[in-house]
C-alpha atoms as a PDB file:
ATOM      1  CA  UNK A   1     -11.250  31.520   8.878  1.00  0.00           C
ATOM      2  CA  UNK A   2     -12.085  29.435   5.843  1.00  0.00           C
ATOM      3  CA  UNK A   3     -15.113  30.564   3.858  1.00  0.00           C
ATOM      4  CA  UNK A   4     -16.278  27.677   1.699  1.00  0.00           C
ATOM      5  CA  UNK A   5     -18.322  28.216  -1.436  1.00  0.00           C
ATOM      6  CA  UNK A   6     -20.036  25.138  -2.775  1.00  0.00           C
ATOM      7  CA  UNK A   7     -20.566  25.207  -6.525  1.00  0.00           C
ATOM      8  CA  UNK A   8     -23.412  23.654  -8.484  1.00  0.00           C
ATOM      9  CA  UNK A   9     -26.771  24.164 -10.137  1.00  0.00           C
ATOM     10  CA  UNK A  10     -28.889  21.015  -9.795  1.00  0.00           C
ATOM     11  CA  UNK A  11     -29.710  20.973  -6.124  1.00  0.00           C
ATOM     12  CA  UNK A  12     -32.123  20.042  -3.415  1.00  0.00           C
ATOM     13  CA  UNK A  13     -32.204  21.335   0.149  1.00  0.00           C
ATOM     14  CA  UNK A  14     -31.793  19.626   3.500  1.00  0.00           C
ATOM     15  CA  UNK A  15     -31.735  20.829   7.083  1.00  0.00           C
ATOM     16  CA  UNK A  16     -28.369  20.366   8.783  1.00  0.00           C
ATOM     17  CA  UNK A  17     -27.747  21.546  12.339  1.00  0.00           C
ATOM     18  CA  UNK A  18     -30.913  23.655  12.229  1.00  0.00           C
ATOM     19  CA  UNK A  19     -30.238  25.449   8.928  1.00  0.00           C
ATOM     20  CA  UNK A  20     -31.303  24.750   5.358  1.00  0.00           C
ATOM     21  CA  UNK A  21     -28.445  24.062   2.966  1.00  0.00           C
ATOM     22  CA  UNK A  22     -28.305  23.223  -0.757  1.00  0.00           C
ATOM     23  CA  UNK A  23     -27.059  19.735  -1.577  1.00  0.00           C
ATOM     24  CA  UNK A  24     -24.729  19.748  -4.561  1.00  0.00           C
ATOM     25  CA  UNK A  25     -22.932  16.759  -6.040  1.00  0.00           C
ATOM     26  CA  UNK A  26     -22.128  13.917  -3.643  1.00  0.00           C
ATOM     27  CA  UNK A  27     -24.594  14.217  -0.754  1.00  0.00           C
ATOM     28  CA  UNK A  28     -22.642  12.361   1.923  1.00  0.00           C
ATOM     29  CA  UNK A  29     -19.404  14.214   1.168  1.00  0.00           C
ATOM     30  CA  UNK A  30     -21.058  17.619   1.443  1.00  0.00           C
ATOM     31  CA  UNK A  31     -22.947  16.743   4.621  1.00  0.00           C
ATOM     32  CA  UNK A  32     -19.701  15.546   6.180  1.00  0.00           C
ATOM     33  CA  UNK A  33     -18.012  18.859   5.337  1.00  0.00           C
ATOM     34  CA  UNK A  34     -20.884  20.869   6.814  1.00  0.00           C
ATOM     35  CA  UNK A  35     -20.922  18.810  10.023  1.00  0.00           C
ATOM     36  CA  UNK A  36     -17.152  19.051  10.326  1.00  0.00           C
ATOM     37  CA  UNK A  37     -17.013  22.798   9.683  1.00  0.00           C
ATOM     38  CA  UNK A  38     -19.853  23.430  12.134  1.00  0.00           C
ATOM     39  CA  UNK A  39     -18.082  21.462  14.853  1.00  0.00           C
ATOM     40  CA  UNK A  40     -14.850  23.370  14.219  1.00  0.00           C
ATOM     41  CA  UNK A  41     -16.664  26.735  13.936  1.00  0.00           C
ATOM     42  CA  UNK A  42     -15.247  27.216  10.453  1.00  0.00           C
ATOM     43  CA  UNK A  43     -17.193  29.798   8.437  1.00  0.00           C
ATOM     44  CA  UNK A  44     -18.587  28.725   5.085  1.00  0.00           C
ATOM     45  CA  UNK A  45     -21.071  30.026   2.563  1.00  0.00           C
ATOM     46  CA  UNK A  46     -22.823  29.025  -0.644  1.00  0.00           C
ATOM     47  CA  UNK A  47     -22.649  30.544  -4.117  1.00  0.00           C
ATOM     48  CA  UNK A  48     -20.692  33.592  -3.133  1.00  0.00           C
ATOM     49  CA  UNK A  49     -17.161  34.772  -3.746  1.00  0.00           C
ATOM     50  CA  UNK A  50     -14.521  33.935  -1.168  1.00  0.00           C
ATOM     51  CA  UNK A  51     -10.768  33.736  -0.932  1.00  0.00           C
ATOM     52  CA  UNK A  52     -10.997  29.959  -0.682  1.00  0.00           C
ATOM     53  CA  UNK A  53     -13.314  28.026  -2.962  1.00  0.00           C
ATOM     54  CA  UNK A  54     -14.283  24.363  -2.596  1.00  0.00           C
ATOM     55  CA  UNK A  55     -15.721  22.965  -5.817  1.00  0.00           C
ATOM     56  CA  UNK A  56     -18.194  20.150  -5.195  1.00  0.00           C
ATOM     57  CA  UNK A  57     -19.753  19.795  -8.648  1.00  0.00           C
ATOM     58  CA  UNK A  58     -18.271  21.321 -11.791  1.00  0.00           C
ATOM     59  CA  UNK A  59     -18.160  21.188 -15.566  1.00  0.00           C
ATOM     60  CA  UNK A  60     -15.879  22.930 -18.058  1.00  0.00           C
ATOM     61  CA  UNK A  61     -17.998  26.092 -18.060  1.00  0.00           C
ATOM     62  CA  UNK A  62     -17.687  26.367 -14.278  1.00  0.00           C
ATOM     63  CA  UNK A  63     -13.915  26.024 -14.593  1.00  0.00           C
ATOM     64  CA  UNK A  64     -13.863  28.788 -17.211  1.00  0.00           C
ATOM     65  CA  UNK A  65     -15.732  31.075 -14.781  1.00  0.00           C
ATOM     66  CA  UNK A  66     -13.370  30.198 -11.932  1.00  0.00           C
ATOM     67  CA  UNK A  67     -10.391  30.898 -14.160  1.00  0.00           C
ATOM     68  CA  UNK A  68     -11.770  34.351 -15.025  1.00  0.00           C
ATOM     69  CA  UNK A  69     -12.491  35.163 -11.373  1.00  0.00           C
ATOM     70  CA  UNK A  70      -9.036  34.090 -10.321  1.00  0.00           C
ATOM     71  CA  UNK A  71      -7.361  36.249 -12.982  1.00  0.00           C
ATOM     72  CA  UNK A  72      -9.423  39.160 -11.678  1.00  0.00           C
ATOM     73  CA  UNK A  73      -8.044  38.350  -8.203  1.00  0.00           C
ATOM     74  CA  UNK A  74     -11.553  37.902  -6.794  1.00  0.00           C
ATOM     75  CA  UNK A  75     -10.607  34.502  -5.401  1.00  0.00           C
ATOM     76  CA  UNK A  76      -7.279  33.135  -4.188  1.00  0.00           C
ATOM     77  CA  UNK A  77      -7.412  29.357  -3.894  1.00  0.00           C
ATOM     78  CA  UNK A  78      -9.581  26.745  -5.579  1.00  0.00           C
ATOM     79  CA  UNK A  79      -9.749  23.116  -4.467  1.00  0.00           C
ATOM     80  CA  UNK A  80     -11.800  20.376  -6.137  1.00  0.00           C
ATOM     81  CA  UNK A  81     -13.086  17.464  -4.062  1.00  0.00           C
ATOM     82  CA  UNK A  82     -12.730  13.843  -5.304  1.00  0.00           C
ATOM     83  CA  UNK A  83     -16.337  13.791  -6.588  1.00  0.00           C
ATOM     84  CA  UNK A  84     -16.315  17.256  -8.188  1.00  0.00           C
ATOM     85  CA  UNK A  85     -16.514  16.141 -11.807  1.00  0.00           C
ATOM     86  CA  UNK A  86     -20.032  16.656 -13.200  1.00  0.00           C
ATOM     87  CA  UNK A  87     -19.505  14.603 -16.343  1.00  0.00           C
ATOM     88  CA  UNK A  88     -16.800  12.899 -18.466  1.00  0.00           C
ATOM     89  CA  UNK A  89     -15.310  11.723 -15.193  1.00  0.00           C
ATOM     90  CA  UNK A  90     -12.097  10.135 -16.433  1.00  0.00           C
ATOM     91  CA  UNK A  91     -11.164  12.849 -18.908  1.00  0.00           C
ATOM     92  CA  UNK A  92     -12.099  15.954 -16.924  1.00  0.00           C
ATOM     93  CA  UNK A  93     -11.348  14.765 -13.388  1.00  0.00           C
ATOM     94  CA  UNK A  94      -7.905  13.508 -14.283  1.00  0.00           C
ATOM     95  CA  UNK A  95      -7.130  16.824 -15.956  1.00  0.00           C
ATOM     96  CA  UNK A  96      -8.234  19.057 -13.074  1.00  0.00           C
ATOM     97  CA  UNK A  97      -4.587  19.616 -12.016  1.00  0.00           C
ATOM     98  CA  UNK A  98      -3.836  21.039 -15.476  1.00  0.00           C
ATOM     99  CA  UNK A  99      -6.305  23.898 -15.064  1.00  0.00           C
ATOM    100  CA  UNK A 100      -4.594  27.117 -14.030  1.00  0.00           C
ATOM    101  CA  UNK A 101      -7.477  28.125 -11.772  1.00  0.00           C
ATOM    102  CA  UNK A 102      -7.249  24.931  -9.681  1.00  0.00           C
ATOM    103  CA  UNK A 103      -4.650  24.949  -6.908  1.00  0.00           C
ATOM    104  CA  UNK A 104      -5.297  21.442  -5.662  1.00  0.00           C
ATOM    105  CA  UNK A 105      -7.222  18.511  -7.090  1.00  0.00           C
ATOM    106  CA  UNK A 106      -8.177  16.216  -4.239  1.00  0.00           C
ATOM    107  CA  UNK A 107      -8.390  12.455  -4.679  1.00  0.00           C
ATOM    108  CA  UNK A 108      -9.789   9.922  -2.233  1.00  0.00           C
ATOM    109  CA  UNK A 109      -6.710   7.773  -1.581  1.00  0.00           C
ATOM    110  CA  UNK A 110      -3.035   7.262  -2.334  1.00  0.00           C
ATOM    111  CA  UNK A 111      -4.064   4.578  -4.824  1.00  0.00           C
ATOM    112  CA  UNK A 112      -5.897   7.159  -6.940  1.00  0.00           C
ATOM    113  CA  UNK A 113      -3.175   9.749  -6.427  1.00  0.00           C
ATOM    114  CA  UNK A 114      -0.493   7.516  -7.929  1.00  0.00           C
ATOM    115  CA  UNK A 115      -2.811   6.474 -10.737  1.00  0.00           C
ATOM    116  CA  UNK A 116      -3.739  10.062 -11.631  1.00  0.00           C
ATOM    117  CA  UNK A 117      -0.112  11.106 -11.742  1.00  0.00           C
ATOM    118  CA  UNK A 118       0.330   8.857 -14.766  1.00  0.00           C
ATOM    119  CA  UNK A 119      -2.226  10.885 -16.760  1.00  0.00           C
ATOM    120  CA  UNK A 120      -0.702  14.374 -16.427  1.00  0.00           C
ATOM    121  CA  UNK A 121       2.688  15.987 -16.850  1.00  0.00           C
ATOM    122  CA  UNK A 122       5.017  15.798 -13.840  1.00  0.00           C
ATOM    123  CA  UNK A 123       4.816  19.564 -13.332  1.00  0.00           C
ATOM    124  CA  UNK A 124       1.192  19.085 -12.166  1.00  0.00           C
ATOM    125  CA  UNK A 125       1.847  16.246  -9.718  1.00  0.00           C
ATOM    126  CA  UNK A 126       2.176  18.536  -6.696  1.00  0.00           C
ATOM    127  CA  UNK A 127      -1.386  19.776  -7.287  1.00  0.00           C
ATOM    128  CA  UNK A 128      -2.848  16.308  -6.683  1.00  0.00           C
ATOM    129  CA  UNK A 129      -3.572  15.773  -2.982  1.00  0.00           C
ATOM    130  CA  UNK A 130      -4.893  12.811  -1.033  1.00  0.00           C
ATOM    131  CA  UNK A 131      -7.988  13.702   1.002  1.00  0.00           C
ATOM    132  CA  UNK A 132     -10.618  11.327   2.351  1.00  0.00           C
ATOM    133  CA  UNK A 133     -14.199  12.429   2.907  1.00  0.00           C
ATOM    134  CA  UNK A 134     -15.429  12.033   6.461  1.00  0.00           C
ATOM    135  CA  UNK A 135     -18.246   9.901   7.855  1.00  0.00           C
ATOM    136  CA  UNK A 136     -20.568  10.583  10.763  1.00  0.00           C
ATOM    137  CA  UNK A 137     -19.728   8.675  13.929  1.00  0.00           C
ATOM    138  CA  UNK A 138     -22.616   6.776  15.465  1.00  0.00           C
ATOM    139  CA  UNK A 139     -23.273   7.053  19.179  1.00  0.00           C
ATOM    140  CA  UNK A 140     -20.916   4.465  20.584  1.00  0.00           C
ATOM    141  CA  UNK A 141     -22.440   1.859  22.884  1.00  0.00           C
ATOM    142  CA  UNK A 142     -19.744   0.602  25.232  1.00  0.00           C
ATOM    143  CA  UNK A 143     -21.928  -2.357  26.182  1.00  0.00           C
ATOM    144  CA  UNK A 144     -22.938  -3.556  22.741  1.00  0.00           C
ATOM    145  CA  UNK A 145     -24.811  -6.826  22.665  1.00  0.00           C
ATOM    146  CA  UNK A 146     -24.142  -9.608  20.184  1.00  0.00           C
ATOM    147  CA  UNK A 147     -26.786  -9.492  17.443  1.00  0.00           C
ATOM    148  CA  UNK A 148     -25.819 -12.804  15.805  1.00  0.00           C
ATOM    149  CA  UNK A 149     -26.441 -11.115  12.464  1.00  0.00           C
ATOM    150  CA  UNK A 150     -24.552  -9.666   9.510  1.00  0.00           C
ATOM    151  CA  UNK A 151     -25.128  -7.733   6.295  1.00  0.00           C
ATOM    152  CA  UNK A 152     -24.126  -9.018   2.871  1.00  0.00           C
ATOM    153  CA  UNK A 153     -23.602  -5.967   0.673  1.00  0.00           C
ATOM    154  CA  UNK A 154     -23.440  -6.725  -3.060  1.00  0.00           C
ATOM    155  CA  UNK A 155     -21.947  -4.002  -5.260  1.00  0.00           C
ATOM    156  CA  UNK A 156     -22.210  -4.425  -9.030  1.00  0.00           C
ATOM    157  CA  UNK A 157     -22.289  -8.215  -8.695  1.00  0.00           C
ATOM    158  CA  UNK A 158     -25.291 -10.583  -8.480  1.00  0.00           C
ATOM    159  CA  UNK A 159     -26.542 -11.646  -5.065  1.00  0.00           C
ATOM    160  CA  UNK A 160     -24.674 -14.806  -4.078  1.00  0.00           C
ATOM    161  CA  UNK A 161     -27.441 -17.047  -2.746  1.00  0.00           C
ATOM    162  CA  UNK A 162     -24.913 -19.762  -1.902  1.00  0.00           C
ATOM    163  CA  UNK A 163     -23.140 -17.367   0.472  1.00  0.00           C
ATOM    164  CA  UNK A 164     -26.379 -16.113   2.017  1.00  0.00           C
ATOM    165  CA  UNK A 165     -27.631 -19.666   2.595  1.00  0.00           C
ATOM    166  CA  UNK A 166     -24.268 -20.715   4.046  1.00  0.00           C
ATOM    167  CA  UNK A 167     -24.491 -17.909   6.612  1.00  0.00           C
ATOM    168  CA  UNK A 168     -28.099 -18.735   7.506  1.00  0.00           C
ATOM    169  CA  UNK A 169     -27.285 -22.428   7.880  1.00  0.00           C
ATOM    170  CA  UNK A 170     -24.781 -21.481  10.577  1.00  0.00           C
ATOM    171  CA  UNK A 171     -27.648 -19.898  12.513  1.00  0.00           C
ATOM    172  CA  UNK A 172     -26.610 -16.313  11.678  1.00  0.00           C
ATOM    173  CA  UNK A 173     -29.193 -13.779  10.512  1.00  0.00           C
ATOM    174  CA  UNK A 174     -28.246 -12.346   7.138  1.00  0.00           C
ATOM    175  CA  UNK A 175     -29.584  -9.115   5.649  1.00  0.00           C
ATOM    176  CA  UNK A 176     -28.979  -8.558   1.931  1.00  0.00           C
ATOM    177  CA  UNK A 177     -28.330  -5.113   0.434  1.00  0.00           C
ATOM    178  CA  UNK A 178     -27.673  -4.327  -3.199  1.00  0.00           C
ATOM    179  CA  UNK A 179     -25.783  -1.219  -4.267  1.00  0.00           C
ATOM    180  CA  UNK A 180     -28.122   1.684  -5.291  1.00  0.00           C
ATOM    181  CA  UNK A 181     -31.186  -0.397  -4.345  1.00  0.00           C
ATOM    182  CA  UNK A 182     -31.623   0.611  -0.712  1.00  0.00           C
ATOM    183  CA  UNK A 183     -32.540   3.634   1.356  1.00  0.00           C
ATOM    184  CA  UNK A 184     -29.659   5.221   3.293  1.00  0.00           C
ATOM    185  CA  UNK A 185     -31.633   5.312   6.549  1.00  0.00           C
ATOM    186  CA  UNK A 186     -32.382   1.603   6.185  1.00  0.00           C
ATOM    187  CA  UNK A 187     -28.645   0.959   5.806  1.00  0.00           C
ATOM    188  CA  UNK A 188     -27.987   2.779   9.084  1.00  0.00           C
ATOM    189  CA  UNK A 189     -30.856   0.878  10.726  1.00  0.00           C
ATOM    190  CA  UNK A 190     -29.369  -2.469   9.682  1.00  0.00           C
ATOM    191  CA  UNK A 191     -25.920  -1.509  10.959  1.00  0.00           C
ATOM    192  CA  UNK A 192     -27.430  -1.177  14.429  1.00  0.00           C
ATOM    193  CA  UNK A 193     -28.986  -4.651  14.196  1.00  0.00           C
ATOM    194  CA  UNK A 194     -25.885  -6.530  12.991  1.00  0.00           C
ATOM    195  CA  UNK A 195     -22.337  -7.321  14.081  1.00  0.00           C
ATOM    196  CA  UNK A 196     -20.311  -7.155  10.866  1.00  0.00           C
ATOM    197  CA  UNK A 197     -20.638  -6.529   7.126  1.00  0.00           C
ATOM    198  CA  UNK A 198     -19.478  -8.634   4.185  1.00  0.00           C
ATOM    199  CA  UNK A 199     -18.834  -6.590   1.032  1.00  0.00           C
ATOM    200  CA  UNK A 200     -18.992  -8.578  -2.189  1.00  0.00           C
ATOM    201  CA  UNK A 201     -17.664  -6.651  -5.170  1.00  0.00           C
ATOM    202  CA  UNK A 202     -15.122  -6.919  -7.935  1.00  0.00           C
ATOM    203  CA  UNK A 203     -14.594  -3.168  -8.409  1.00  0.00           C
ATOM    204  CA  UNK A 204     -11.892  -1.351  -6.459  1.00  0.00           C
ATOM    205  CA  UNK A 205     -12.972   1.556  -4.280  1.00  0.00           C
ATOM    206  CA  UNK A 206     -11.325   4.963  -4.524  1.00  0.00           C
ATOM    207  CA  UNK A 207     -12.223   5.361  -0.834  1.00  0.00           C
ATOM    208  CA  UNK A 208     -15.249   3.271   0.109  1.00  0.00           C
ATOM    209  CA  UNK A 209     -17.678   5.493   2.013  1.00  0.00           C
ATOM    210  CA  UNK A 210     -20.194   2.728   2.719  1.00  0.00           C
ATOM    211  CA  UNK A 211     -17.364   0.644   4.149  1.00  0.00           C
ATOM    212  CA  UNK A 212     -16.275   3.541   6.372  1.00  0.00           C
ATOM    213  CA  UNK A 213     -19.890   4.057   7.472  1.00  0.00           C
ATOM    214  CA  UNK A 214     -19.903   0.473   8.733  1.00  0.00           C
ATOM    215  CA  UNK A 215     -16.707   1.192  10.676  1.00  0.00           C
ATOM    216  CA  UNK A 216     -18.273   4.364  12.104  1.00  0.00           C
ATOM    217  CA  UNK A 217     -20.927   2.085  13.632  1.00  0.00           C
ATOM    218  CA  UNK A 218     -18.164  -0.130  15.047  1.00  0.00           C
ATOM    219  CA  UNK A 219     -18.920  -2.875  12.515  1.00  0.00           C
ATOM    220  CA  UNK A 220     -15.851  -4.645  11.116  1.00  0.00           C
ATOM    221  CA  UNK A 221     -15.940  -5.534   7.436  1.00  0.00           C
ATOM    222  CA  UNK A 222     -14.933  -8.598   5.447  1.00  0.00           C
ATOM    223  CA  UNK A 223     -13.737  -7.372   2.055  1.00  0.00           C
ATOM    224  CA  UNK A 224     -12.553  -8.948  -1.145  1.00  0.00           C
ATOM    225  CA  UNK A 225      -8.800  -8.543  -1.481  1.00  0.00           C
ATOM    226  CA  UNK A 226      -7.567  -5.052  -2.363  1.00  0.00           C
ATOM    227  CA  UNK A 227     -11.049  -3.595  -2.963  1.00  0.00           C
ATOM    228  CA  UNK A 228     -10.608  -0.887  -0.288  1.00  0.00           C
ATOM    229  CA  UNK A 229      -7.448   1.215   0.194  1.00  0.00           C
ATOM    230  CA  UNK A 230      -8.184   1.962   3.856  1.00  0.00           C
ATOM    231  CA  UNK A 231      -8.779  -1.461   5.388  1.00  0.00           C
ATOM    232  CA  UNK A 232      -6.541  -2.145   8.396  1.00  0.00           C
ATOM    233  CA  UNK A 233      -6.278  -4.865  11.030  1.00  0.00           C
ATOM    234  CA  UNK A 234      -8.419  -2.581  13.205  1.00  0.00           C
ATOM    235  CA  UNK A 235     -11.292  -2.382  10.761  1.00  0.00           C
ATOM    236  CA  UNK A 236     -11.651  -5.869   9.307  1.00  0.00           C
ATOM    237  CA  UNK A 237     -10.224  -8.593   7.099  1.00  0.00           C
ATOM    238  CA  UNK A 238      -9.547  -9.201   3.429  1.00  0.00           C
ATOM    239  CA  UNK A 239     -10.653 -12.444   1.770  1.00  0.00           C
ATOM    240  CA  UNK A 240      -9.623 -13.636  -1.678  1.00  0.00           C
ATOM    241  CA  UNK A 241     -11.837 -16.680  -2.243  1.00  0.00           C
ATOM    242  CA  UNK A 242     -15.009 -18.269  -0.945  1.00  0.00           C
ATOM    243  CA  UNK A 243     -13.167 -20.730   1.308  1.00  0.00           C
ATOM    244  CA  UNK A 244     -11.285 -17.917   3.043  1.00  0.00           C
ATOM    245  CA  UNK A 245     -14.534 -16.002   3.554  1.00  0.00           C
ATOM    246  CA  UNK A 246     -16.261 -19.078   4.972  1.00  0.00           C
ATOM    247  CA  UNK A 247     -13.396 -19.510   7.442  1.00  0.00           C
ATOM    248  CA  UNK A 248     -13.968 -15.969   8.750  1.00  0.00           C
ATOM    249  CA  UNK A 249     -17.702 -16.570   9.124  1.00  0.00           C
ATOM    250  CA  UNK A 250     -17.133 -19.874  10.924  1.00  0.00           C
ATOM    251  CA  UNK A 251     -14.705 -18.164  13.308  1.00  0.00           C
ATOM    252  CA  UNK A 252     -17.408 -15.624  14.135  1.00  0.00           C
ATOM    253  CA  UNK A 253     -20.095 -18.307  14.563  1.00  0.00           C
ATOM    254  CA  UNK A 254     -18.010 -20.252  17.099  1.00  0.00           C
ATOM    255  CA  UNK A 255     -17.312 -17.275  19.339  1.00  0.00           C
ATOM    256  CA  UNK A 256     -18.864 -13.971  18.167  1.00  0.00           C
ATOM    257  CA  UNK A 257     -17.512 -11.926  21.062  1.00  0.00           C
ATOM    258  CA  UNK A 258     -13.930 -13.099  20.612  1.00  0.00           C
ATOM    259  CA  UNK A 259     -14.148 -12.473  16.863  1.00  0.00           C
ATOM    260  CA  UNK A 260     -15.495  -8.932  17.290  1.00  0.00           C
ATOM    261  CA  UNK A 261     -12.992  -8.115  20.044  1.00  0.00           C
ATOM    262  CA  UNK A 262     -10.219  -8.454  17.439  1.00  0.00           C
ATOM    263  CA  UNK A 263     -11.343  -5.186  15.856  1.00  0.00           C
ATOM    264  CA  UNK A 264     -11.887  -1.546  16.825  1.00  0.00           C
ATOM    265  CA  UNK A 265     -13.266   0.096  13.670  1.00  0.00           C
ATOM    266  CA  UNK A 266     -15.002   2.944  15.512  1.00  0.00           C
ATOM    267  CA  UNK A 267     -11.740   4.038  17.106  1.00  0.00           C
ATOM    268  CA  UNK A 268      -9.979   3.958  13.737  1.00  0.00           C
ATOM    269  CA  UNK A 269     -12.609   6.189  12.107  1.00  0.00           C
ATOM    270  CA  UNK A 270     -12.607   8.575  15.050  1.00  0.00           C
ATOM    271  CA  UNK A 271      -8.852   9.055  14.629  1.00  0.00           C
ATOM    272  CA  UNK A 272      -8.618   8.987  10.838  1.00  0.00           C
ATOM    273  CA  UNK A 273     -11.887   9.578   8.960  1.00  0.00           C
ATOM    274  CA  UNK A 274     -14.468  11.377  11.085  1.00  0.00           C
ATOM    275  CA  UNK A 275     -16.208  14.552   9.907  1.00  0.00           C
ATOM    276  CA  UNK A 276     -13.919  16.631  12.108  1.00  0.00           C
ATOM    277  CA  UNK A 277     -10.705  14.933  10.976  1.00  0.00           C
ATOM    278  CA  UNK A 278     -11.706  15.304   7.325  1.00  0.00           C
ATOM    279  CA  UNK A 279     -12.602  18.999   7.736  1.00  0.00           C
ATOM    280  CA  UNK A 280      -9.337  19.692   9.585  1.00  0.00           C
ATOM    281  CA  UNK A 281      -7.359  18.027   6.808  1.00  0.00           C
ATOM    282  CA  UNK A 282      -9.100  20.184   4.209  1.00  0.00           C
ATOM    283  CA  UNK A 283      -8.415  23.389   6.111  1.00  0.00           C
ATOM    284  CA  UNK A 284      -4.766  22.339   6.340  1.00  0.00           C
ATOM    285  CA  UNK A 285      -4.590  21.863   2.559  1.00  0.00           C
ATOM    286  CA  UNK A 286      -5.794  25.441   2.063  1.00  0.00           C
ATOM    287  CA  UNK A 287      -2.973  26.676   4.284  1.00  0.00           C
ATOM    288  CA  UNK A 288      -0.251  25.013   2.211  1.00  0.00           C
END
């Protein structure tokens, strides 16, 4: 059985599956691991020594401690998650594979894996592993109604009022969300009231958890070209200019049901990026 120790100092506590747990580092990633491990009956603990250590939030001092413990043979394997770097992200995170105490440095997608290989010597390449964090599946409604509504999610770009007005002029409700400026529960609430999500951003995602959360609610996404490494024909469409995006929206407006029937994002997440799938993949990495 895998015993998982979650590292970190700055923490708050939340109740998950009836027990209080410390939240360290990236909240959604940790909650996904806990839900996945609980479902699989995988044992895990916090702030204690174990053969297998999962590092959620670390700095150079933490790595020094882990190195000492490993030399003393008090731990066997150490794996860092894609969001484990506490500070100096680019310098420290990219160099995780070079630390003797770290067996595997996990990254969120093949895109990041290939990029990170260019920063370290080839002898460390085998220590870089692709692993995607899981997302919680919503209760699937097999008889979903058409909401005639969408979300426009703006990440690190100004709200495009021209786009919002274009959508509204087609008779489609449009809810606007701005990155870091909304409550997570409100995001989940809006996903239940809408049919699809448009993500407007210029930055490229390492994984795209918010995007996957939309899929987990069976909401296809319209994404700017190449911004997400996991988009498939099941989960949505890429667009590379405003005219292409407008064409997608018009297609939806003419026949919402036919447009939505093209996609099956919930099924894709269930097979590839659920809490359980993510936890299983992590357990497998420890066995390698």
